[in-house]
Amino acid sequence: MTELIAILIASILVGSLIYFFRYKNKAKPKVGIKRNNSSDYFEDYKELKLYWGSIFLIIIGVVVLLAIGIMELAFM
């Protein structure tokens, strides 16, 4: 159980660090902007996936930690 909690805390920490160091005080990455170079579309897509991935790590980590906490309280 402690390993699972440690992994969840680590995922929350990684998601938070990515979000705060890369996207703090910035707007959400834009997709669909006309670009001259076609490889720039891939960069836009990669930035958007990293943005949503960091938010997903934070949310999933918090939700599962809360679920574990509730189950621990319920079955004690």
C-alpha atoms as a PDB file:
ATOM      1  CA  MET A   1       0.000   0.000   0.000  1.00  0.00           C
ATOM      2  CA  THR A   2       2.843   2.397   0.775  1.00  0.00           C
ATOM      3  CA  GLU A   3       4.349   1.786  -2.658  1.00  0.00           C
ATOM      4  CA  LEU A   4       1.055   2.705  -4.319  1.00  0.00           C
ATOM      5  CA  ILE A   5       0.767   5.883  -2.267  1.00  0.00           C
ATOM      6  CA  ALA A   6       4.386   6.774  -3.084  1.00  0.00           C
ATOM      7  CA  ILE A   7       3.747   6.259  -6.809  1.00  0.00           C
ATOM      8  CA  LEU A   8       0.614   8.424  -6.672  1.00  0.00           C
ATOM      9  CA  ILE A   9       2.434  11.200  -4.826  1.00  0.00           C
ATOM     10  CA  ALA A  10       5.260  10.984  -7.367  1.00  0.00           C
ATOM     11  CA  SER A  11       2.794  11.266 -10.271  1.00  0.00           C
ATOM     12  CA  ILE A  12       1.166  14.307  -8.650  1.00  0.00           C
ATOM     13  CA  LEU A  13       4.604  15.842  -8.136  1.00  0.00           C
ATOM     14  CA  VAL A  14       5.704  15.178 -11.724  1.00  0.00           C
ATOM     15  CA  GLY A  15       2.467  16.575 -13.159  1.00  0.00           C
ATOM     16  CA  SER A  16       2.704  19.651 -10.951  1.00  0.00           C
ATOM     17  CA  LEU A  17       6.334  20.300 -11.840  1.00  0.00           C
ATOM     18  CA  ILE A  18       5.629  20.004 -15.563  1.00  0.00           C
ATOM     19  CA  TYR A  19       2.636  22.309 -15.300  1.00  0.00           C
ATOM     20  CA  PHE A  20       4.236  24.968 -13.102  1.00  0.00           C
ATOM     21  CA  PHE A  21       7.634  25.125 -14.795  1.00  0.00           C
ATOM     22  CA  ARG A  22       6.384  24.926 -18.369  1.00  0.00           C
ATOM     23  CA  TYR A  23       2.912  26.505 -18.413  1.00  0.00           C
ATOM     24  CA  LYS A  24       2.744  28.842 -15.402  1.00  0.00           C
ATOM     25  CA  ASN A  25       1.295  32.247 -16.386  1.00  0.00           C
ATOM     26  CA  LYS A  26       0.899  31.114 -20.000  1.00  0.00           C
ATOM     27  CA  ALA A  27      -2.157  30.396 -22.080  1.00  0.00           C
ATOM     28  CA  LYS A  28      -3.126  26.888 -23.104  1.00  0.00           C
ATOM     29  CA  PRO A  29      -1.123  25.763 -26.164  1.00  0.00           C
ATOM     30  CA  LYS A  30      -2.895  26.503 -29.425  1.00  0.00           C
ATOM     31  CA  VAL A  31      -3.598  23.963 -32.126  1.00  0.00           C
ATOM     32  CA  GLY A  32      -4.785  24.547 -35.665  1.00  0.00           C
ATOM     33  CA  ILE A  33      -2.788  27.707 -36.327  1.00  0.00           C
ATOM     34  CA  LYS A  34      -1.559  28.000 -39.911  1.00  0.00           C
ATOM     35  CA  ARG A  35       2.169  27.258 -40.043  1.00  0.00           C
ATOM     36  CA  ASN A  36       4.720  27.565 -42.835  1.00  0.00           C
ATOM     37  CA  ASN A  37       6.590  24.433 -41.821  1.00  0.00           C
ATOM     38  CA  SER A  38       4.641  21.205 -41.445  1.00  0.00           C
ATOM     39  CA  SER A  39       6.847  20.006 -38.577  1.00  0.00           C
ATOM     40  CA  ASP A  40       5.527  22.903 -36.485  1.00  0.00           C
ATOM     41  CA  TYR A  41       2.137  21.183 -36.419  1.00  0.00           C
ATOM     42  CA  PHE A  42       3.760  18.252 -34.628  1.00  0.00           C
ATOM     43  CA  GLU A  43       5.335  20.611 -32.090  1.00  0.00           C
ATOM     44  CA  ASP A  44       1.935  22.211 -31.422  1.00  0.00           C
ATOM     45  CA  TYR A  45       0.374  18.783 -30.970  1.00  0.00           C
ATOM     46  CA  LYS A  46       3.190  17.678 -28.644  1.00  0.00           C
ATOM     47  CA  GLU A  47       2.835  20.805 -26.499  1.00  0.00           C
ATOM     48  CA  LEU A  48      -0.916  20.303 -26.186  1.00  0.00           C
ATOM     49  CA  LYS A  49      -0.504  16.637 -25.224  1.00  0.00           C
ATOM     50  CA  LEU A  50       2.109  17.538 -22.596  1.00  0.00           C
ATOM     51  CA  TYR A  51      -0.209  20.213 -21.201  1.00  0.00           C
ATOM     52  CA  TRP A  52      -3.183  17.870 -20.876  1.00  0.00           C
ATOM     53  CA  GLY A  53      -0.957  15.019 -19.695  1.00  0.00           C
ATOM     54  CA  SER A  54       0.372  17.067 -16.791  1.00  0.00           C
ATOM     55  CA  ILE A  55      -3.157  18.030 -15.747  1.00  0.00           C
ATOM     56  CA  PHE A  56      -4.261  14.394 -16.095  1.00  0.00           C
ATOM     57  CA  LEU A  57      -1.424  13.196 -13.818  1.00  0.00           C
ATOM     58  CA  ILE A  58      -2.409  15.688 -11.140  1.00  0.00           C
ATOM     59  CA  ILE A  59      -6.129  14.883 -11.281  1.00  0.00           C
ATOM     60  CA  ILE A  60      -5.742  11.091 -11.386  1.00  0.00           C
ATOM     61  CA  GLY A  61      -3.205  11.141  -8.557  1.00  0.00           C
ATOM     62  CA  VAL A  62      -5.435  13.241  -6.319  1.00  0.00           C
ATOM     63  CA  VAL A  63      -8.591  11.256  -7.079  1.00  0.00           C
ATOM     64  CA  VAL A  64      -6.959   7.887  -6.408  1.00  0.00           C
ATOM     65  CA  LEU A  65      -5.304   9.164  -3.213  1.00  0.00           C
ATOM     66  CA  LEU A  66      -8.685  10.386  -2.002  1.00  0.00           C
ATOM     67  CA  ALA A  67     -10.263   7.040  -2.878  1.00  0.00           C
ATOM     68  CA  ILE A  68      -7.560   5.176  -0.967  1.00  0.00           C
ATOM     69  CA  GLY A  69      -8.036   7.489   2.008  1.00  0.00           C
ATOM     70  CA  ILE A  70     -11.794   6.970   2.012  1.00  0.00           C
ATOM     71  CA  MET A  71     -11.411   3.195   1.731  1.00  0.00           C
ATOM     72  CA  GLU A  72      -8.882   3.160   4.583  1.00  0.00           C
ATOM     73  CA  LEU A  73     -11.268   5.117   6.797  1.00  0.00           C
ATOM     74  CA  ALA A  74     -14.232   2.972   5.841  1.00  0.00           C
ATOM     75  CA  PHE A  75     -12.543  -0.362   6.479  1.00  0.00           C
ATOM     76  CA  MET A  76     -10.694   0.508   9.686  1.00  0.00           C
END
